[in-house]
Protein backbone atom coordinates (compact mmCIF):
# COMPACT_ATOMS: atom_id res chain seq x y z
CA MET A 1 -38.23 -75.39 -16.29
CA ARG A 2 -35.34 -73.42 -18.46
CA ASN A 3 -32.14 -71.16 -17.15
CA ARG A 4 -32.70 -68.35 -17.12
CA GLY A 5 -29.30 -66.24 -17.81
CA PHE A 6 -29.46 -61.95 -17.93
CA THR A 7 -30.95 -60.70 -21.05
CA LEU A 8 -28.38 -58.00 -22.55
CA VAL A 9 -30.74 -55.28 -21.82
CA GLU A 10 -30.26 -56.20 -18.39
CA VAL A 11 -26.82 -56.12 -18.57
CA LEU A 12 -26.67 -53.17 -20.07
CA VAL A 13 -29.10 -51.76 -17.59
CA ALA A 14 -26.75 -52.22 -14.93
CA LEU A 15 -23.92 -51.36 -16.42
CA VAL A 16 -25.51 -47.84 -17.00
CA ILE A 17 -26.26 -48.25 -13.00
CA VAL A 18 -22.73 -48.63 -12.15
CA ALA A 19 -20.69 -46.09 -14.29
CA ALA A 20 -23.12 -43.20 -13.08
CA GLY A 21 -22.44 -44.43 -9.11
CA ALA A 22 -18.52 -44.45 -10.55
CA ALA A 23 -18.10 -40.78 -12.43
CA ALA A 24 -20.28 -39.40 -8.98
CA VAL A 25 -17.29 -41.15 -6.86
CA LEU A 26 -13.91 -39.20 -9.03
CA ALA A 27 -15.90 -36.12 -9.27
CA SER A 28 -16.77 -36.04 -5.64
CA LEU A 29 -12.85 -37.12 -4.81
CA ASN A 30 -11.60 -34.95 -7.93
CA THR A 31 -14.00 -31.66 -5.75
CA ALA A 32 -11.50 -32.71 -2.37
CA ALA A 33 -7.66 -33.02 -3.99
CA ALA A 34 -8.57 -29.51 -5.99
CA SER A 35 -10.19 -28.50 -1.65
CA ALA A 36 -7.29 -29.60 -0.38
CA SER A 37 -4.95 -28.04 -2.61
CA TYR A 38 -6.59 -24.83 -2.64
CA LEU A 39 -6.51 -25.07 1.14
CA ARG A 40 -2.65 -25.76 0.77
CA ASP A 41 -1.62 -23.23 -1.41
CA LYS A 42 -4.44 -20.56 0.30
CA THR A 43 -2.39 -21.48 3.88
CA PHE A 44 1.56 -21.46 2.44
CA ALA A 45 0.53 -17.61 1.10
CA GLN A 46 -0.98 -16.70 4.19
CA TRP A 47 2.75 -17.23 5.78
CA ILE A 48 4.16 -16.24 3.09
CA ALA A 49 2.33 -12.77 4.13
CA VAL A 50 2.16 -13.03 7.71
CA ASN A 51 6.06 -13.48 7.13
CA ARG A 52 6.70 -9.72 4.84
CA ILE A 53 4.76 -7.54 7.06
CA ALA A 54 6.50 -9.07 9.91
CA THR A 55 9.64 -8.63 8.10
CA THR A 56 7.95 -4.93 7.26
CA ARG A 57 7.77 -3.64 10.91
CA LEU A 58 11.32 -5.33 11.59
CA GLN A 59 13.31 -2.95 9.68
CA THR A 60 15.15 -0.54 11.67
CA THR A 61 14.22 2.24 9.48
CA PRO A 62 10.82 3.06 8.76
CA PRO A 63 10.08 1.64 4.57
CA GLN A 64 7.99 4.11 2.30
CA ASN A 65 4.90 5.30 1.29
CA GLY A 66 4.47 3.00 -2.09
CA THR A 67 4.51 -0.83 -4.02
CA THR A 68 7.02 -3.16 -3.87
CA GLU A 69 7.47 -6.71 -5.73
CA GLY A 70 9.27 -10.11 -4.84
CA GLU A 71 10.04 -13.97 -4.90
CA VAL A 72 10.34 -16.48 -2.35
CA ASP A 73 11.53 -19.82 -2.37
CA TYR A 74 8.31 -21.72 -0.06
CA ALA A 75 7.65 -24.88 0.79
CA ASN A 76 9.51 -26.35 -2.72
CA GLY A 77 7.00 -23.81 -4.80
CA ARG A 78 8.04 -19.72 -6.29
CA TRP A 79 5.72 -17.39 -5.24
CA ARG A 80 5.55 -13.85 -6.54
CA TRP A 81 4.44 -11.27 -3.30
CA ARG A 82 3.15 -7.23 -3.67
CA GLN A 83 3.35 -5.15 -0.81
CA GLN A 84 1.58 -1.95 -0.64
CA ILE A 85 2.43 0.77 2.18
CA THR A 86 0.06 3.06 2.63
CA ASP A 87 -1.01 5.62 4.75
CA ALA A 88 -3.99 4.97 7.09
CA GLU A 89 -7.35 6.76 8.16
CA ILE A 90 -5.17 6.85 11.96
CA PRO A 91 -2.42 9.45 11.96
CA GLY A 92 1.21 7.79 13.46
CA LEU A 93 -0.21 4.90 11.45
CA ARG A 94 0.42 3.16 8.33
CA ARG A 95 -1.73 -0.04 6.26
CA ILE A 96 0.34 -2.63 4.47
CA ASP A 97 -1.43 -5.18 2.37
CA VAL A 98 0.67 -8.07 0.64
CA SER A 99 -1.33 -10.46 -1.77
CA VAL A 100 0.63 -13.09 -2.59
CA ARG A 101 0.40 -15.79 -5.41
CA PRO A 102 2.46 -18.75 -6.90
CA VAL A 103 3.91 -19.38 -9.61
CA VAL A 104 2.93 -20.11 -12.99
CA PRO A 105 6.32 -21.49 -14.53
CA GLY A 106 6.25 -19.72 -18.11
CA ALA A 107 3.90 -16.98 -17.57
CA ALA A 108 4.58 -13.41 -18.01
CA PRO A 109 5.82 -11.77 -14.28
CA SER A 110 3.03 -9.55 -12.91
CA THR A 111 3.66 -5.12 -12.78
CA ALA A 112 2.71 -2.62 -10.43
CA ALA A 113 0.54 -1.73 -13.03
CA ASP A 114 -1.05 -4.68 -12.40
CA ALA A 115 -1.81 -3.22 -8.43
CA ALA A 116 -3.21 -0.18 -10.50
CA ASP A 117 -6.79 -2.15 -11.94
CA GLY A 118 -7.49 -2.99 -8.64
CA ASN A 119 -9.26 -6.04 -9.01
CA GLY A 120 -6.95 -8.37 -7.22
CA ASP A 121 -6.92 -11.11 -10.52
CA GLY A 122 -5.02 -13.71 -9.73
CA TRP A 123 -3.96 -13.15 -6.04
CA THR A 124 -4.29 -15.88 -3.38
CA LEU A 125 -4.38 -13.45 -0.84
CA THR A 126 -4.69 -11.14 0.23
CA LEU A 127 -3.51 -9.32 3.83
CA SER A 128 -3.35 -6.31 5.58
CA GLY A 129 -1.43 -5.16 8.16
CA VAL A 130 -0.46 -1.77 10.43
CA LEU A 131 2.67 -0.33 10.85
CA GLY A 132 3.34 2.57 13.17
CA ARG A 133 5.39 4.87 14.73
CA ASP A 134 6.15 5.29 18.76
CA LEU A 135 3.62 7.76 20.40
CA ALA A 136 5.65 8.41 22.66
CA ALA A 137 7.82 11.30 23.04
CA PRO A 138 11.51 10.71 22.67
CA GLY A 139 13.25 9.89 25.30
CA ALA A 140 10.28 10.15 26.79
CA GLY A 141 10.20 6.31 28.77
CA VAL A 142 6.83 4.63 28.84
CA ASP A 143 5.17 3.17 32.29
CA TRP A 144 3.86 0.04 32.59
CA GLU A 145 2.79 -0.89 35.49
CA PRO A 146 -1.11 -0.39 35.31
CA MET A 147 -3.13 2.20 37.23
CA ALA A 148 -4.30 1.46 40.89
CA VAL A 149 -8.20 0.51 40.39
CA PRO A 150 -10.57 2.49 43.16
CA GLN A 151 -12.74 -0.40 44.83
CA PRO A 152 -16.19 0.23 45.39
CA PRO A 153 -17.45 0.64 49.30
CA GLY A 154 -17.98 -2.71 50.57
CA ALA A 155 -15.88 -4.39 48.49
CA GLY A 156 -13.01 -5.67 50.83
CA GLY A 157 -9.65 -3.01 51.67
CA ASP A 158 -9.78 0.12 53.66
CA ASP A 159 -13.38 -1.50 55.17
CA ALA A 160 -12.95 -1.81 59.43
CA ALA A 161 -16.38 -3.52 59.52
CA THR A 162 -14.73 -6.41 57.66
CA SER A 163 -11.52 -7.09 57.74
CA PRO A 164 -9.19 -8.44 60.69
CA GLN A 165 -7.72 -5.95 62.79
CA ALA A 166 -4.36 -6.92 64.74
CA SER A 167 -4.01 -5.35 67.85
CA PRO A 168 -0.87 -3.57 68.15
CA ASP A 169 0.06 -4.53 71.75
CA ASP A 170 0.51 -8.12 71.95
CA GLY A 171 0.51 -9.45 68.16
CA THR A 172 -2.62 -11.83 68.45
CA GLU A 173 -5.50 -11.26 65.61
CA SER A 174 -9.44 -10.10 66.74
CA ALA A 175 -12.54 -10.36 64.58
CA ALA A 176 -14.21 -6.76 64.29
CA PRO A 177 -17.55 -6.73 66.18
């Protein structure tokens, strides 16, 4: 009986199988890391856009229609935002579109002309909101009390057949027949 070991071909086949498995595992880890990074950037961009919309709404003087741009430091990074304010189709409302992307070191800064192309290339997120005017006349008060809702017959309330009646003389309650 002779001791038999692995042949060179068997060892090479085993190494090819292990290498293919390792490559698949590394590819899936790379995809998971890229997805996590993308979702992190998307979340930060959304927070920045929501903050821009809220800041615009809270201004004491209404902003003019048009495009404004700026940069902000947020979450250990630099972010570029572009805000466009336009009239909405509903009178008294204006639309606010805020686009956000991370600033890439060494890249040329974007310009308002880039917004005119309309394709939004390079923006991580674009969020829309509205800006409204006061719809009441100046000096008019707003009635915050809810309107009285009429109840259908038999639903309670003033129906004498279902509500208990108090005796006016002795203060005792008696049920209606």
